[in-house]
């Protein structure tokens, strides 16, 4: 007999009381890293709030969408992190869909608690927009796979324990059918990581050179040759996250805002331009785009089951790219000549310039804007596919650049 779920208001009161007892607002900035991150995430996981829709065996509460939404709302109300992993944790959702039970038990608890760090080993110098063209190879050697190749644009590689790797295991079939997907241990001989300097003067991305590195056979997801299917699912979760998450200024909010006020409105007021009808219209447009994207993302996630891919996620990812670029343009216009300044002594200009440059990350990461338009056109709107002259050719015979 199915256990009856508590009513929505009971859930709200329970999670609210739990947060009041356990959450410290000083931890707000530690979602990605910080001294209290793992301890807090462990509390969230053990309480069943990290992934409320998952089965209890995976630290969930088997909630429906309505109750899950209440949990997210209460965490957001106090700016707490750690919930929503049933929607946003692409590592775990990929494992749940395709890994063996042993691999799930080995990795999922640590991933949920932030004890295991991850990176993505997808793109290569000659295979970015066309990920099916990767040339990193994996060859079976007993109970292991030996991996050789090069990856690029890898975020978090320097601290990662594992990388989700797409590699070629069969060169005699067309490109989409010769791929396999692995959880590759990163802290081993044969992994060389070189940071890449970004236009924002940061080094979040890296080149990764792989020479005779080894992945246990148990770390293969699904079956050999199923890598493209696994990758498409993982990309859907990545695009879902990028479609609703936007990076703010490096140094936090530096504009004085009233309770519930949008930062763009506050910045326009500080700049003395809030009465400008053109500026007001542009701010309203950005806010409207955000609201529309929130609704689209919620719809797409409602349709995204574990192990599936939702092409509509590309719409949210593309929309977020447009929102970030327009927001950056608007910030720059609000500051006028002040936007030409930089440095900590000019915080508003520093933020505007950083966000303008960083917006290109969303235009490229997780598949470029152009790739998203192709996906939307072909899989959402039903337009004819672009010609692929090498789609049915054994990859060994495909001409390389």
Protein backbone atom coordinates (compact mmCIF):
# COMPACT_ATOMS: atom_id res chain seq x y z
CA UNK A 1 0.00 0.00 0.00
CA UNK A 2 1.37 3.42 -1.00
CA UNK A 3 2.17 5.67 1.97
CA UNK A 4 -0.03 8.76 2.03
CA UNK A 5 1.85 12.03 1.53
CA UNK A 6 1.44 14.87 4.02
CA UNK A 7 -0.62 17.79 2.79
CA UNK A 8 1.15 20.73 1.19
CA UNK A 9 0.77 23.11 4.15
CA UNK A 10 2.15 20.48 6.54
CA UNK A 11 5.20 20.12 4.29
CA UNK A 12 5.68 23.88 4.24
CA UNK A 13 5.56 24.14 8.03
CA UNK A 14 7.92 21.19 8.46
CA UNK A 15 10.61 22.47 6.10
CA UNK A 16 10.25 26.03 7.43
CA UNK A 17 10.74 24.86 11.03
CA UNK A 18 13.70 22.71 10.01
CA UNK A 19 15.39 25.62 8.23
CA UNK A 20 14.82 27.95 11.18
CA UNK A 21 16.53 25.42 13.44
CA UNK A 22 19.43 24.46 11.16
CA UNK A 23 20.18 27.11 8.51
CA UNK A 24 22.74 29.86 9.11
CA UNK A 25 22.29 32.82 6.70
CA UNK A 26 26.06 33.42 6.85
CA UNK A 27 26.51 30.28 4.71
CA UNK A 28 24.60 31.77 1.76
CA UNK A 29 27.70 32.23 -0.41
CA UNK A 30 29.02 28.68 0.06
CA UNK A 31 26.89 26.85 -2.51
CA UNK A 32 29.94 26.09 -4.68
CA UNK A 33 32.67 26.05 -2.06
CA UNK A 34 33.24 27.08 1.53
CA UNK A 35 34.12 25.62 4.94
CA UNK A 36 30.51 24.77 5.87
CA UNK A 37 29.35 23.45 2.49
CA UNK A 38 29.77 19.70 3.04
CA UNK A 39 28.46 19.76 6.61
CA UNK A 40 25.35 21.68 5.53
CA UNK A 41 24.68 19.50 2.50
CA UNK A 42 25.01 16.42 4.72
CA UNK A 43 22.29 17.81 6.97
CA UNK A 44 20.05 18.54 3.98
CA UNK A 45 20.57 15.04 2.54
CA UNK A 46 19.98 13.26 5.86
CA UNK A 47 16.77 15.23 6.40
CA UNK A 48 15.44 14.21 2.98
CA UNK A 49 15.29 17.75 1.59
CA UNK A 50 18.06 17.44 -1.03
CA UNK A 51 15.99 15.50 -3.56
CA UNK A 52 12.43 15.22 -2.21
CA UNK A 53 11.03 13.53 -5.33
CA UNK A 54 13.49 10.66 -5.27
CA UNK A 55 12.79 7.29 -3.61
CA UNK A 56 13.72 6.98 0.06
CA UNK A 57 16.56 4.61 -0.84
CA UNK A 58 18.21 7.60 -2.54
CA UNK A 59 17.60 10.00 0.35
CA UNK A 60 14.29 11.30 -1.01
CA UNK A 61 10.74 11.56 0.30
CA UNK A 62 8.85 10.42 -2.82
CA UNK A 63 7.10 13.80 -3.05
CA UNK A 64 5.06 14.94 -6.03
CA UNK A 65 5.68 18.21 -7.92
CA UNK A 66 3.47 20.30 -5.64
CA UNK A 67 5.23 19.27 -2.43
CA UNK A 68 8.65 19.43 -4.06
CA UNK A 69 7.91 22.99 -5.17
CA UNK A 70 7.06 23.96 -1.59
CA UNK A 71 10.46 22.70 -0.41
CA UNK A 72 12.23 24.77 -3.08
CA UNK A 73 10.19 27.84 -2.19
CA UNK A 74 11.07 27.62 1.49
CA UNK A 75 14.78 27.12 0.79
CA UNK A 76 14.71 30.07 -1.61
CA UNK A 77 12.88 32.22 0.93
CA UNK A 78 15.86 32.08 3.32
CA UNK A 79 18.50 31.86 0.52
CA UNK A 80 19.52 28.33 1.56
CA UNK A 81 21.10 25.93 -0.93
CA UNK A 82 21.15 22.14 -1.20
CA UNK A 83 17.63 21.24 -2.29
CA UNK A 84 16.47 20.59 -5.88
CA UNK A 85 19.13 17.99 -6.64
CA UNK A 86 16.43 15.80 -8.18
CA UNK A 87 16.19 18.45 -10.91
CA UNK A 88 19.63 20.05 -11.13
CA UNK A 89 22.28 17.48 -10.18
CA UNK A 90 23.26 16.26 -13.63
CA UNK A 91 25.88 13.86 -12.23
CA UNK A 92 23.42 11.94 -10.07
CA UNK A 93 20.55 12.00 -12.57
CA UNK A 94 22.88 10.50 -15.17
CA UNK A 95 23.99 7.81 -12.72
CA UNK A 96 20.42 6.98 -11.74
CA UNK A 97 19.46 6.50 -15.36
CA UNK A 98 22.40 4.46 -16.61
CA UNK A 99 24.81 3.21 -13.90
CA UNK A 100 24.92 -0.15 -12.19
CA UNK A 101 23.55 -0.42 -8.67
CA UNK A 102 27.06 -0.81 -7.29
CA UNK A 103 28.29 2.37 -8.97
CA UNK A 104 25.24 4.29 -7.76
CA UNK A 105 25.86 3.20 -4.17
CA UNK A 106 29.54 4.06 -4.50
CA UNK A 107 29.09 7.60 -5.83
CA UNK A 108 25.65 9.06 -5.15
CA UNK A 109 25.94 9.68 -1.38
CA UNK A 110 29.23 11.56 -1.79
CA UNK A 111 27.92 13.55 -4.76
CA UNK A 112 24.82 14.64 -2.86
CA UNK A 113 26.87 15.75 0.15
CA UNK A 114 29.43 17.63 -1.92
CA UNK A 115 32.23 15.26 -0.91
CA UNK A 116 32.87 14.13 -4.50
CA UNK A 117 33.78 16.77 -7.10
CA UNK A 118 33.04 16.35 -10.80
CA UNK A 119 33.90 17.77 -14.22
CA UNK A 120 32.76 17.22 -17.81
CA UNK A 121 35.13 15.64 -20.33
CA UNK A 122 33.17 16.26 -23.54
CA UNK A 123 34.57 18.91 -25.89
CA UNK A 124 37.81 18.48 -27.81
CA UNK A 125 39.85 20.87 -30.00
CA UNK A 126 38.25 19.31 -33.09
CA UNK A 127 34.87 18.37 -31.59
CA UNK A 128 33.00 21.16 -29.85
CA UNK A 129 29.67 21.84 -31.53
CA UNK A 130 29.74 18.33 -33.04
CA UNK A 131 30.38 16.19 -29.96
CA UNK A 132 29.76 13.02 -31.95
CA UNK A 133 33.09 13.69 -33.65
CA UNK A 134 35.26 13.14 -30.56
CA UNK A 135 38.54 11.30 -31.12
CA UNK A 136 39.56 10.53 -27.55
CA UNK A 137 39.68 6.73 -27.52
CA UNK A 138 39.06 4.09 -24.87
CA UNK A 139 40.31 0.53 -25.35
CA UNK A 140 39.34 -2.45 -23.21
CA UNK A 141 42.11 -4.05 -21.15
CA UNK A 142 40.68 -6.74 -18.89
CA UNK A 143 38.63 -5.11 -16.15
CA UNK A 144 39.67 -1.61 -17.20
CA UNK A 145 39.48 0.80 -20.12
CA UNK A 146 42.64 2.60 -21.21
CA UNK A 147 41.93 6.18 -22.30
CA UNK A 148 44.00 8.45 -24.54
CA UNK A 149 43.09 11.86 -25.94
CA UNK A 150 42.57 15.54 -25.19
CA UNK A 151 39.62 17.48 -23.79
CA UNK A 152 39.13 21.25 -23.50
CA UNK A 153 36.89 23.84 -21.80
CA UNK A 154 36.70 21.59 -18.73
CA UNK A 155 35.36 23.48 -15.70
CA UNK A 156 36.54 22.35 -12.29
CA UNK A 157 39.10 19.85 -13.61
CA UNK A 158 41.76 20.82 -11.07
CA UNK A 159 39.64 19.76 -8.09
CA UNK A 160 37.56 16.99 -9.70
CA UNK A 161 37.56 13.43 -8.39
CA UNK A 162 35.79 12.08 -11.51
CA UNK A 163 35.08 13.33 -15.00
CA UNK A 164 32.05 12.32 -17.06
CA UNK A 165 33.89 11.18 -20.18
CA UNK A 166 32.65 10.57 -23.71
CA UNK A 167 35.18 8.52 -25.69
CA UNK A 168 35.30 6.47 -28.88
CA UNK A 169 35.35 2.72 -28.38
CA UNK A 170 34.51 1.61 -31.93
CA UNK A 171 35.98 3.27 -35.03
CA UNK A 172 34.26 0.98 -37.58
CA UNK A 173 30.70 2.25 -37.13
CA UNK A 174 29.17 5.72 -37.79
CA UNK A 175 30.19 8.38 -35.33
CA UNK A 176 27.10 8.38 -33.09
CA UNK A 177 27.21 4.60 -32.61
CA UNK A 178 30.87 4.17 -31.67
CA UNK A 179 30.85 6.17 -28.42
CA UNK A 180 30.84 5.06 -24.80
CA UNK A 181 30.35 7.02 -21.58
CA UNK A 182 32.49 6.64 -18.44
CA UNK A 183 33.07 8.05 -14.98
CA UNK A 184 36.83 8.53 -15.29
CA UNK A 185 38.88 8.87 -12.06
CA UNK A 186 40.78 12.16 -12.35
CA UNK A 187 43.37 11.79 -9.60
CA UNK A 188 45.64 9.28 -11.33
CA UNK A 189 48.81 9.21 -13.45
CA UNK A 190 48.16 10.12 -17.07
CA UNK A 191 45.88 13.09 -16.33
CA UNK A 192 47.52 16.46 -17.06
CA UNK A 193 45.50 19.64 -16.48
CA UNK A 194 46.42 23.06 -17.89
CA UNK A 195 44.31 26.07 -16.88
CA UNK A 196 43.02 28.43 -19.59
CA UNK A 197 42.97 32.18 -18.94
CA UNK A 198 39.57 33.72 -19.66
CA UNK A 199 38.69 37.22 -20.80
CA UNK A 200 37.38 37.87 -17.24
CA UNK A 201 40.92 37.15 -15.95
CA UNK A 202 39.73 33.92 -14.33
CA UNK A 203 40.76 30.33 -15.01
CA UNK A 204 37.65 28.22 -14.52
CA UNK A 205 38.30 26.27 -17.73
CA UNK A 206 41.09 23.85 -18.47
CA UNK A 207 42.70 21.68 -21.10
CA UNK A 208 42.94 18.04 -20.04
CA UNK A 209 45.51 15.74 -21.63
CA UNK A 210 44.83 12.04 -21.08
CA UNK A 211 47.65 9.52 -21.58
CA UNK A 212 47.01 5.84 -20.76
CA UNK A 213 44.62 6.79 -17.94
CA UNK A 214 42.40 3.99 -16.70
CA UNK A 215 38.70 3.70 -15.96
CA UNK A 216 37.31 0.59 -14.23
CA UNK A 217 34.96 -1.40 -16.45
CA UNK A 218 32.32 -0.91 -13.73
CA UNK A 219 32.46 2.84 -14.44
CA UNK A 220 30.96 2.38 -17.93
CA UNK A 221 27.41 3.79 -18.02
CA UNK A 222 24.80 1.76 -19.89
CA UNK A 223 26.53 -0.47 -22.45
CA UNK A 224 29.49 -0.09 -24.75
CA UNK A 225 28.35 1.94 -27.76
CA UNK A 226 25.49 3.63 -25.87
CA UNK A 227 27.53 6.74 -25.12
CA UNK A 228 25.54 9.10 -27.33
CA UNK A 229 22.28 8.16 -25.60
CA UNK A 230 23.84 8.81 -22.19
CA UNK A 231 25.43 12.07 -23.35
CA UNK A 232 22.16 13.49 -24.72
CA UNK A 233 20.47 12.85 -21.37
CA UNK A 234 23.35 14.43 -19.43
CA UNK A 235 23.30 17.47 -21.73
CA UNK A 236 19.57 17.94 -21.11
CA UNK A 237 20.21 18.26 -17.38
CA UNK A 238 23.16 20.59 -17.96
CA UNK A 239 21.10 22.86 -20.21
CA UNK A 240 18.27 22.79 -17.70
CA UNK A 241 20.61 24.09 -15.01
CA UNK A 242 22.13 26.74 -17.29
CA UNK A 243 18.66 27.80 -18.42
CA UNK A 244 17.65 28.87 -14.92
CA UNK A 245 20.96 29.74 -13.25
CA UNK A 246 22.75 33.00 -13.92
CA UNK A 247 26.02 34.11 -12.40
CA UNK A 248 25.96 37.44 -10.63
CA UNK A 249 28.77 39.91 -9.92
CA UNK A 250 31.97 38.41 -8.55
CA UNK A 251 31.81 40.45 -5.38
CA UNK A 252 28.10 40.15 -4.68
CA UNK A 253 25.40 42.79 -4.91
CA UNK A 254 26.76 46.35 -4.66
CA UNK A 255 23.55 48.22 -5.39
CA UNK A 256 21.28 49.26 -2.52
CA UNK A 257 17.88 47.66 -3.07
CA UNK A 258 14.58 47.88 -1.26
CA UNK A 259 12.95 44.66 -0.09
CA UNK A 260 11.85 42.68 -3.16
CA UNK A 261 13.20 45.27 -5.60
CA UNK A 262 14.86 44.17 -8.84
CA UNK A 263 18.55 45.10 -9.03
CA UNK A 264 18.16 46.74 -12.46
CA UNK A 265 15.47 49.05 -11.07
CA UNK A 266 17.70 49.93 -8.11
CA UNK A 267 20.66 50.60 -10.42
CA UNK A 268 18.52 52.82 -12.67
CA UNK A 269 17.40 54.77 -9.61
CA UNK A 270 21.00 55.23 -8.43
CA UNK A 271 21.98 56.41 -11.92
CA UNK A 272 19.08 58.89 -11.98
CA UNK A 273 17.49 57.25 -15.04
CA UNK A 274 14.45 55.50 -13.65
CA UNK A 275 12.15 58.16 -15.10
CA UNK A 276 13.50 57.55 -18.64
CA UNK A 277 10.68 55.74 -20.46
CA UNK A 278 13.10 53.95 -22.79
CA UNK A 279 15.10 52.60 -19.85
CA UNK A 280 11.92 51.56 -18.04
CA UNK A 281 10.77 49.68 -21.13
CA UNK A 282 14.09 47.83 -21.42
CA UNK A 283 14.04 46.87 -17.75
CA UNK A 284 10.47 45.62 -18.10
CA UNK A 285 11.50 43.56 -21.13
CA UNK A 286 14.32 41.84 -19.22
CA UNK A 287 12.04 41.10 -16.24
CA UNK A 288 9.38 39.72 -18.60
CA UNK A 289 11.95 37.47 -20.29
CA UNK A 290 13.03 36.16 -16.90
CA UNK A 291 9.47 35.35 -15.88
CA UNK A 292 8.74 33.67 -19.20
CA UNK A 293 11.93 31.63 -18.94
CA UNK A 294 11.01 30.53 -15.41
CA UNK A 295 7.67 29.26 -16.69
CA UNK A 296 9.24 27.49 -19.66
CA UNK A 297 11.86 25.86 -17.42
CA UNK A 298 9.20 24.64 -15.00
CA UNK A 299 7.22 23.15 -17.89
CA UNK A 300 10.29 21.45 -19.35
CA UNK A 301 11.36 20.00 -16.00
CA UNK A 302 7.88 18.65 -15.38
CA UNK A 303 8.29 16.63 -18.59
CA UNK A 304 11.87 15.53 -17.88
CA UNK A 305 11.96 12.07 -16.36
CA UNK A 306 15.14 10.37 -15.22
CA UNK A 307 16.88 8.87 -18.24
CA UNK A 308 15.16 11.04 -20.84
CA UNK A 309 16.16 14.19 -22.70
CA UNK A 310 13.95 17.20 -23.25
CA UNK A 311 14.76 19.27 -26.33
CA UNK A 312 12.72 22.11 -24.86
CA UNK A 313 15.58 22.58 -22.38
CA UNK A 314 17.51 24.17 -25.25
CA UNK A 315 14.93 26.96 -25.34
CA UNK A 316 15.60 27.87 -21.72
CA UNK A 317 19.35 27.76 -22.20
CA UNK A 318 19.12 30.01 -25.28
CA UNK A 319 16.74 32.36 -23.48
CA UNK A 320 19.11 32.73 -20.53
CA UNK A 321 21.90 33.66 -22.94
CA UNK A 322 19.75 36.45 -24.40
CA UNK A 323 18.72 37.64 -20.92
CA UNK A 324 22.33 37.87 -19.73
CA UNK A 325 23.54 39.76 -22.79
CA UNK A 326 20.67 42.24 -22.70
CA UNK A 327 21.08 42.75 -18.94
CA UNK A 328 24.79 43.46 -19.47
CA UNK A 329 24.02 45.98 -22.25
CA UNK A 330 21.46 47.68 -20.04
CA UNK A 331 23.86 47.92 -17.09
CA UNK A 332 26.47 49.50 -19.36
CA UNK A 333 23.99 52.03 -20.77
CA UNK A 334 22.80 52.96 -17.27
CA UNK A 335 26.35 53.80 -16.21
CA UNK A 336 27.27 55.75 -19.38
CA UNK A 337 30.93 56.85 -19.26
CA UNK A 338 31.35 55.30 -15.80
CA UNK A 339 31.25 51.90 -17.50
CA UNK A 340 34.68 52.65 -19.02
CA UNK A 341 36.27 52.44 -15.57
CA UNK A 342 37.48 49.31 -13.81
CA UNK A 343 39.01 48.13 -10.56
CA UNK A 344 37.73 47.76 -7.01
CA UNK A 345 37.48 51.53 -6.59
CA UNK A 346 34.79 51.53 -9.34
CA UNK A 347 32.57 48.66 -8.18
CA UNK A 348 29.52 49.34 -10.35
CA UNK A 349 31.61 49.56 -13.52
CA UNK A 350 33.64 46.52 -12.46
CA UNK A 351 30.44 44.50 -12.12
CA UNK A 352 28.98 45.73 -15.41
CA UNK A 353 32.11 44.87 -17.37
CA UNK A 354 32.53 41.48 -15.71
CA UNK A 355 28.91 40.50 -16.43
CA UNK A 356 29.16 41.72 -20.04
CA UNK A 357 32.20 39.51 -20.64
CA UNK A 358 30.91 36.56 -18.62
CA UNK A 359 27.63 36.47 -20.60
CA UNK A 360 29.56 34.79 -23.41
CA UNK A 361 30.09 31.77 -21.16
CA UNK A 362 26.38 30.95 -21.40
CA UNK A 363 26.45 31.54 -25.15
CA UNK A 364 29.14 28.85 -25.51
CA UNK A 365 29.03 26.44 -22.55
CA UNK A 366 26.65 23.47 -22.73
CA UNK A 367 26.35 23.89 -26.51
CA UNK A 368 26.55 27.19 -28.35
CA UNK A 369 23.55 29.41 -29.07
CA UNK A 370 23.74 28.21 -32.68
CA UNK A 371 23.56 24.56 -31.60
CA UNK A 372 20.51 25.33 -29.42
CA UNK A 373 18.78 27.00 -32.39
CA UNK A 374 19.38 23.90 -34.50
CA UNK A 375 17.95 21.65 -31.77
CA UNK A 376 14.89 23.87 -31.32
CA UNK A 377 14.33 24.09 -35.06
CA UNK A 378 14.64 20.38 -35.71
CA UNK A 379 13.27 18.73 -32.56
CA UNK A 380 10.78 21.28 -31.26
CA UNK A 381 9.52 23.02 -34.41
CA UNK A 382 9.92 20.01 -36.73
CA UNK A 383 11.99 21.84 -39.36
CA UNK A 384 14.16 19.81 -41.78
CA UNK A 385 17.49 18.65 -40.38
CA UNK A 386 20.72 20.07 -41.67
CA UNK A 387 22.59 17.69 -44.01
CA UNK A 388 25.18 15.42 -42.33
CA UNK A 389 27.38 13.92 -45.01
CA UNK A 390 29.32 11.79 -42.53
CA UNK A 391 26.40 10.49 -40.48
CA UNK A 392 26.37 6.98 -42.00
CA UNK A 393 30.12 6.72 -42.67
CA UNK A 394 32.31 4.51 -40.45
CA UNK A 395 34.18 6.97 -38.26
CA UNK A 396 37.52 5.53 -39.32
CA UNK A 397 36.79 6.93 -42.81
CA UNK A 398 35.62 10.38 -41.68
CA UNK A 399 37.98 13.15 -42.75
CA UNK A 400 39.53 14.90 -39.77
CA UNK A 401 40.34 18.59 -39.56
